Protein backbone atom coordinates (compact mmCIF):
# COMPACT_ATOMS: atom_id res chain seq x y z
CA MET A 1 -79.52 -24.98 60.24
CA PRO A 2 -77.26 -27.76 61.03
CA ASP A 3 -76.50 -30.32 58.30
CA HIS A 4 -75.87 -33.55 58.82
CA SER A 5 -72.90 -34.48 56.25
CA THR A 6 -70.45 -37.49 55.29
CA VAL A 7 -66.53 -37.06 55.16
CA GLU A 8 -63.99 -39.14 53.93
CA ASN A 9 -61.73 -41.38 55.77
CA LEU A 10 -62.79 -38.76 58.43
CA PHE A 11 -60.05 -38.09 60.96
CA GLY A 12 -61.46 -35.99 63.75
CA CYS A 13 -60.00 -34.21 66.81
CA TYR A 14 -63.44 -33.83 69.61
CA LEU A 15 -64.46 -31.88 72.77
CA LEU A 16 -66.42 -33.09 75.18
CA TYR A 17 -68.85 -31.52 77.64
CA CYS A 18 -70.25 -33.02 80.86
CA ARG A 19 -73.91 -31.85 81.79
CA ASN A 20 -73.93 -34.36 85.05
CA GLU A 21 -74.82 -31.54 88.05
CA ARG A 22 -72.03 -33.01 90.34
CA TYR A 23 -69.05 -32.97 87.41
CA LYS A 24 -71.28 -30.18 85.11
CA GLY A 25 -68.63 -27.75 83.41
CA GLN A 26 -65.49 -30.46 82.91
CA THR A 27 -64.45 -31.32 79.39
CA TYR A 28 -62.74 -34.25 77.49
CA ILE A 29 -60.42 -34.33 74.11
CA GLY A 30 -60.48 -37.28 72.52
CA PHE A 31 -59.72 -38.49 68.68
CA THR A 32 -62.46 -40.89 66.86
CA ASN A 33 -63.45 -41.93 62.96
CA ASN A 34 -67.01 -42.65 64.36
CA PRO A 35 -68.60 -39.59 66.61
CA THR A 36 -72.13 -41.07 66.74
CA ARG A 37 -70.45 -44.39 68.39
CA ARG A 38 -67.58 -42.81 70.62
CA ILE A 39 -70.13 -40.42 72.26
CA ARG A 40 -72.41 -43.94 72.95
CA GLN A 41 -69.28 -45.50 74.31
CA HIS A 42 -68.53 -42.03 76.13
CA ASN A 43 -71.66 -42.49 77.93
CA ASN A 44 -71.99 -45.83 78.64
CA GLY A 45 -68.70 -46.23 80.60
CA THR A 46 -65.36 -48.36 80.00
CA LYS A 47 -67.22 -51.36 79.63
CA ALA A 48 -68.58 -50.05 76.20
CA GLY A 49 -65.38 -48.65 75.12
CA GLY A 50 -65.36 -45.46 76.75
CA ALA A 51 -62.32 -43.34 78.49
CA TYR A 52 -61.74 -44.08 82.12
CA ARG A 53 -62.12 -40.13 82.59
CA THR A 54 -65.61 -39.49 81.27
CA SER A 55 -66.87 -43.28 82.61
CA ASN A 56 -70.06 -42.86 85.26
CA LYS A 57 -69.93 -39.08 84.88
CA GLY A 58 -72.02 -38.75 81.86
CA PRO A 59 -74.13 -37.12 80.38
CA TRP A 60 -71.58 -35.89 78.26
CA ASP A 61 -72.31 -33.75 74.71
CA MET A 62 -69.62 -33.77 71.80
CA VAL A 63 -69.74 -30.51 71.02
CA LEU A 64 -67.01 -29.49 68.85
CA MET A 65 -64.72 -31.11 66.09
CA ILE A 66 -61.82 -30.19 64.13
CA HIS A 67 -61.66 -32.71 61.21
CA GLY A 68 -60.52 -32.70 58.01
CA PHE A 69 -56.54 -34.13 59.50
CA PRO A 70 -54.61 -35.96 56.17
CA THR A 71 -53.78 -38.89 58.20
CA LYS A 72 -54.99 -40.09 61.75
CA ILE A 73 -51.14 -39.94 62.43
CA SER A 74 -51.48 -35.88 61.98
CA ALA A 75 -55.26 -36.01 63.96
CA LEU A 76 -53.56 -37.78 67.14
CA ARG A 77 -50.94 -35.65 67.12
CA PHE A 78 -53.50 -32.88 67.09
CA GLU A 79 -55.59 -34.29 70.16
CA TRP A 80 -51.95 -34.41 72.12
CA ALA A 81 -51.56 -31.23 71.74
CA TRP A 82 -54.75 -29.99 72.56
CA GLN A 83 -54.84 -32.54 75.95
CA HIS A 84 -50.70 -30.98 76.29
CA PRO A 85 -50.50 -27.59 75.47
CA LYS A 86 -48.39 -26.60 77.91
CA LYS A 87 -46.11 -29.70 76.88
CA SER A 88 -46.38 -29.28 73.46
CA ARG A 89 -43.37 -26.90 72.11
CA ARG A 90 -45.47 -25.43 69.17
CA LEU A 91 -47.34 -23.86 72.06
CA HIS A 92 -45.10 -22.99 74.56
CA HIS A 93 -46.57 -19.23 74.27
CA LEU A 94 -49.90 -19.47 75.11
CA PRO A 95 -50.71 -18.50 78.80
CA GLY A 96 -52.49 -21.07 80.73
CA LYS A 97 -55.66 -21.64 82.45
CA ARG A 98 -56.87 -18.47 83.81
CA SER A 99 -58.11 -18.72 87.57
CA SER A 100 -61.60 -17.08 85.76
CA GLU A 101 -61.72 -19.05 82.73
CA LYS A 102 -63.88 -21.96 82.24
CA LYS A 103 -62.52 -25.29 81.01
CA PHE A 104 -64.32 -25.31 78.16
CA GLU A 105 -63.60 -21.40 77.65
CA TYR A 106 -59.17 -22.53 78.47
CA CYS A 107 -59.93 -25.72 75.33
CA PHE A 108 -61.87 -23.28 73.16
CA ARG A 109 -59.02 -21.04 73.87
CA VAL A 110 -56.39 -23.67 72.99
CA VAL A 111 -57.22 -24.95 69.99
CA CYS A 112 -58.33 -21.19 68.21
CA GLU A 113 -54.33 -20.85 68.83
CA MET A 114 -53.79 -24.52 67.14
CA LEU A 115 -55.63 -23.34 64.14
CA ARG A 116 -53.02 -20.55 63.23
CA THR A 117 -49.62 -22.21 64.43
CA ALA A 118 -47.83 -24.67 61.75
CA PRO A 119 -48.08 -26.69 60.81
CA TRP A 120 -51.94 -27.50 61.31
CA GLU A 121 -52.57 -23.85 59.84
CA ARG A 122 -51.47 -25.52 56.47
CA LEU A 123 -53.78 -28.57 56.59
CA PRO A 124 -57.75 -28.37 54.86
CA LEU A 125 -59.12 -28.36 58.57
CA THR A 126 -63.01 -27.99 59.44
CA ILE A 127 -64.36 -26.39 62.52
CA ARG A 128 -67.91 -28.19 63.31
CA TRP A 129 -70.24 -27.36 65.82
CA LEU A 130 -71.88 -30.68 66.65
CA LYS A 131 -74.61 -28.75 69.18
CA GLN A 132 -74.74 -25.21 68.31
CA GLU A 133 -75.96 -24.16 71.98
CA TYR A 134 -72.31 -24.37 72.90
CA GLN A 135 -70.70 -22.17 70.13
CA LEU A 136 -68.46 -19.56 71.40
CA ASP A 137 -66.80 -16.85 68.92
CA PHE A 138 -63.44 -16.67 67.78
CA PRO A 139 -61.43 -13.84 69.35
CA VAL A 140 -60.78 -10.78 67.72
CA GLY A 141 -57.63 -11.59 65.89
CA ARG A 142 -57.94 -14.72 66.87
CA GLU A 143 -59.71 -15.88 63.65
CA PRO A 144 -59.13 -19.18 62.08
CA PRO A 145 -57.39 -19.13 58.19
CA THR A 146 -59.66 -18.51 55.55
CA HIS A 147 -59.28 -21.82 54.01
CA MET A 148 -60.43 -23.37 57.20
CA PRO A 149 -64.92 -23.41 57.05
CA MET A 150 -67.14 -23.92 59.69
CA ALA A 151 -69.89 -26.74 59.75
CA TYR A 152 -72.60 -27.26 61.89
CA GLY A 153 -74.63 -30.55 62.91
CA VAL A 154 -73.68 -34.26 63.13
CA VAL A 155 -71.03 -36.13 60.50
CA PHE A 156 -70.75 -39.45 59.29
CA ASN A 157 -67.65 -41.24 58.31
CA LYS A 158 -67.15 -42.68 54.62
CA LYS A 159 -64.41 -44.90 54.15
CA VAL A 160 -62.34 -44.96 50.87
CA LYS A 161 -59.52 -46.98 49.72
CA PRO A 162 -57.29 -45.49 47.14
CA ALA A 163 -57.63 -45.04 44.14
CA GLU A 164 -54.59 -46.62 42.34
CA ARG A 165 -52.32 -49.60 44.16
CA ILE A 166 -49.23 -48.46 45.76
CA GLU A 167 -46.06 -49.75 45.12
CA THR A 168 -44.26 -51.25 47.86
CA ASN A 169 -41.23 -52.43 46.38
CA SER A 170 -40.99 -48.96 44.34
CA GLN A 171 -38.16 -46.26 45.65
CA PRO A 172 -40.67 -43.14 45.80
CA GLN A 173 -38.54 -39.43 44.83
CA GLN A 174 -38.72 -37.35 47.75
CA ALA A 175 -42.09 -35.75 48.82
CA ALA A 176 -42.37 -32.04 48.98
CA THR A 177 -42.29 -32.26 52.86
CA SER A 178 -40.52 -34.53 55.33
CA ASP A 179 -43.60 -33.68 57.86
CA SER A 180 -45.47 -36.93 58.38
CA ASP A 181 -48.41 -35.55 58.80
CA LEU A 182 -48.61 -35.45 54.63
CA PRO A 183 -47.34 -38.73 53.85
CA SER A 184 -45.26 -39.69 50.75
CA LEU A 185 -47.22 -42.37 49.12
CA SER A 186 -45.60 -44.15 45.75
CA ILE A 187 -48.16 -44.65 43.18
CA SER A 188 -47.95 -46.31 39.33
CA SER A 189 -47.49 -43.57 36.55
CA THR A 190 -48.14 -43.94 33.17
CA CYS A 191 -46.08 -42.26 30.54
CA GLN A 192 -47.42 -38.85 31.18
CA ARG A 193 -45.11 -36.41 31.80
CA CYS A 194 -44.97 -33.74 34.76
CA ALA A 195 -47.69 -30.91 33.88
CA VAL A 196 -44.97 -28.45 35.91
CA CYS A 197 -41.00 -29.62 34.58
CA VAL A 198 -42.58 -31.38 31.44
CA LYS A 199 -40.28 -34.32 32.40
CA LYS A 200 -41.88 -37.67 31.57
CA LEU A 201 -43.32 -39.63 34.92
CA ARG A 202 -41.42 -42.56 35.92
CA PRO A 203 -43.50 -45.65 37.35
CA ASP A 204 -42.13 -44.88 40.94
CA ALA A 205 -42.40 -41.58 40.78
CA ASN A 206 -44.40 -40.09 43.79
CA THR A 207 -47.11 -38.06 41.89
CA ILE A 208 -50.29 -35.99 42.36
CA SER A 209 -53.31 -35.32 39.85
CA CYS A 210 -55.73 -32.28 39.49
CA LEU A 211 -59.02 -32.83 41.55
CA ALA A 212 -61.13 -31.74 38.84
CA PRO A 213 -63.26 -34.76 37.47
CA THR A 214 -62.78 -33.96 33.61
CA CYS A 215 -58.81 -32.65 34.26
CA ASN A 216 -56.44 -35.39 33.74
CA MET A 217 -53.22 -32.89 34.96
CA LYS A 218 -50.73 -35.27 36.83
CA SER A 219 -47.68 -33.74 38.29
CA HIS A 220 -44.42 -34.81 40.67
CA VAL A 221 -45.21 -33.71 44.31
CA ILE A 222 -42.37 -31.65 44.62
CA CYS A 223 -42.65 -30.09 41.29
CA LEU A 224 -46.72 -29.03 42.36
CA ALA A 225 -45.86 -27.69 45.46
CA SER A 226 -42.89 -25.44 44.47
CA ASN A 227 -45.51 -23.95 41.71
CA PHE A 228 -48.19 -23.32 44.31
CA LEU A 229 -45.52 -21.62 46.45
CA LYS A 230 -43.68 -19.34 43.55
CA TYR A 231 -47.35 -17.75 42.52
CA THR A 232 -48.25 -16.82 46.45
CA LYS A 233 -47.32 -14.44 48.69
CA GLU A 234 -44.99 -17.24 50.55
CA SER A 235 -43.08 -17.67 47.33
CA ASP A 236 -39.82 -15.33 49.58
CA SER A 237 -41.00 -17.42 52.77
CA GLN A 238 -38.59 -20.61 54.12
CA GLN A 239 -42.14 -22.75 53.31
CA ILE A 240 -42.04 -25.72 51.80
CA LEU A 241 -45.62 -26.80 52.27
CA PRO A 242 -48.69 -24.51 49.94
CA VAL A 243 -51.86 -24.00 51.74
CA GLU A 244 -53.53 -23.68 48.25
CA GLY A 245 -53.14 -23.17 44.46
CA LYS A 246 -54.20 -23.37 40.74
CA CYS A 247 -54.16 -26.78 39.01
CA PRO A 248 -51.54 -25.50 35.67
CA ARG A 249 -54.14 -27.54 33.54
CA CYS A 250 -57.42 -26.59 34.35
CA LYS A 251 -57.05 -23.40 36.51
CA ILE A 252 -59.04 -24.44 39.28
CA GLU A 253 -58.07 -23.22 43.23
CA VAL A 254 -57.31 -26.29 45.25
CA LEU A 255 -55.82 -26.76 48.67
CA TRP A 256 -52.78 -28.60 48.86
CA GLY A 257 -54.48 -30.87 51.89
CA ASP A 258 -57.15 -31.77 49.87
CA LEU A 259 -55.16 -32.52 46.62
CA ILE A 260 -53.14 -34.92 49.58
CA ARG A 261 -56.39 -36.07 50.40
CA HIS A 262 -57.56 -37.22 47.04
CA LYS A 263 -54.06 -38.99 46.35
CA GLN A 264 -55.14 -41.17 49.83
CA GLY A 265 -58.59 -42.06 47.39
CA CYS A 266 -60.93 -38.82 48.67
CA TYR A 267 -63.11 -37.32 46.06
CA GLN A 268 -62.66 -39.99 43.65
CA ASP A 269 -66.46 -39.82 43.28
CA ILE A 270 -66.33 -35.99 43.99
CA GLN A 271 -69.30 -35.23 41.33
CA VAL A 272 -71.95 -36.54 44.00
CA LEU A 273 -70.21 -35.41 47.27
CA VAL A 274 -71.91 -32.35 46.81
CA ASN A 275 -71.39 -32.06 50.91
CA ASP A 276 -68.11 -32.92 50.69
CA LEU A 277 -66.54 -30.43 48.13
CA PRO A 278 -63.03 -29.22 48.95
CA VAL A 279 -62.80 -25.41 50.13
CA LYS A 280 -61.93 -23.96 46.56
CA TYR A 281 -63.74 -26.37 44.09
CA ARG A 282 -67.18 -25.47 43.36
CA PHE A 283 -69.50 -27.15 40.92
CA SER A 284 -72.20 -24.78 38.91
CA GLU A 285 -75.86 -25.14 39.83
CA GLN A 286 -76.26 -27.28 36.66
CA GLU A 287 -73.79 -29.68 37.33
CA ARG A 288 -75.37 -30.46 40.46
CA ILE A 289 -78.42 -31.78 39.19
């Protein structure tokens, strides 16, 4: 049964399918933080804010969306690579469109590969079919990582602000990754100690905290990332960006990308955001009531 979900700070890349008999089967890939408004713009032409390539070719259906990007920039990079797989250095190994392959099938094949390719394979992404009648199965052996859930139905955006004030005059310590998909934010800290290295957290420290409402764990970003990698099968690899791990204090399993989203203000009201819970974090039925 399709659901209607609300996602905090939604950044999504979508795939359109044309139903106009004259242009039927044409596709369009774009970015939005407001799917309802965006499909209306596409169907109403450039004067309404739609893209030139979709103008006067409607009706269009928004059928697939990939969302859960921690920043707008990371979503826009995904959009560009999806639009230009032959130009993307991360997708140069992917065969081009076959003559027997429909454009929609090709776009889906490209995104299947993207979800298994760094850096996107490590993000807390959700694969959402907004129109189930268009749904395609992932090819055997090309399934998305297990931490990426499948969702169905319309999705709405809820804008949230960071829970704590960002200190613009401070100099944050080096983040756990140089990838701009996971930005380094310097957030003021109290005299707490890092849950991993046990050193005092300086006011200008780049910190990260647990998602659980009852857990007061706070740690240096670098320390927690190293801790997550240490206890996973990736401990012997060269990875600096973990996928998931256990909170060193309350031991719940969380996705690294969800901790970054929490750092930016998401999940602050987590006890009532039942439809927008991180993949690994779940409440009991009693807690939901």
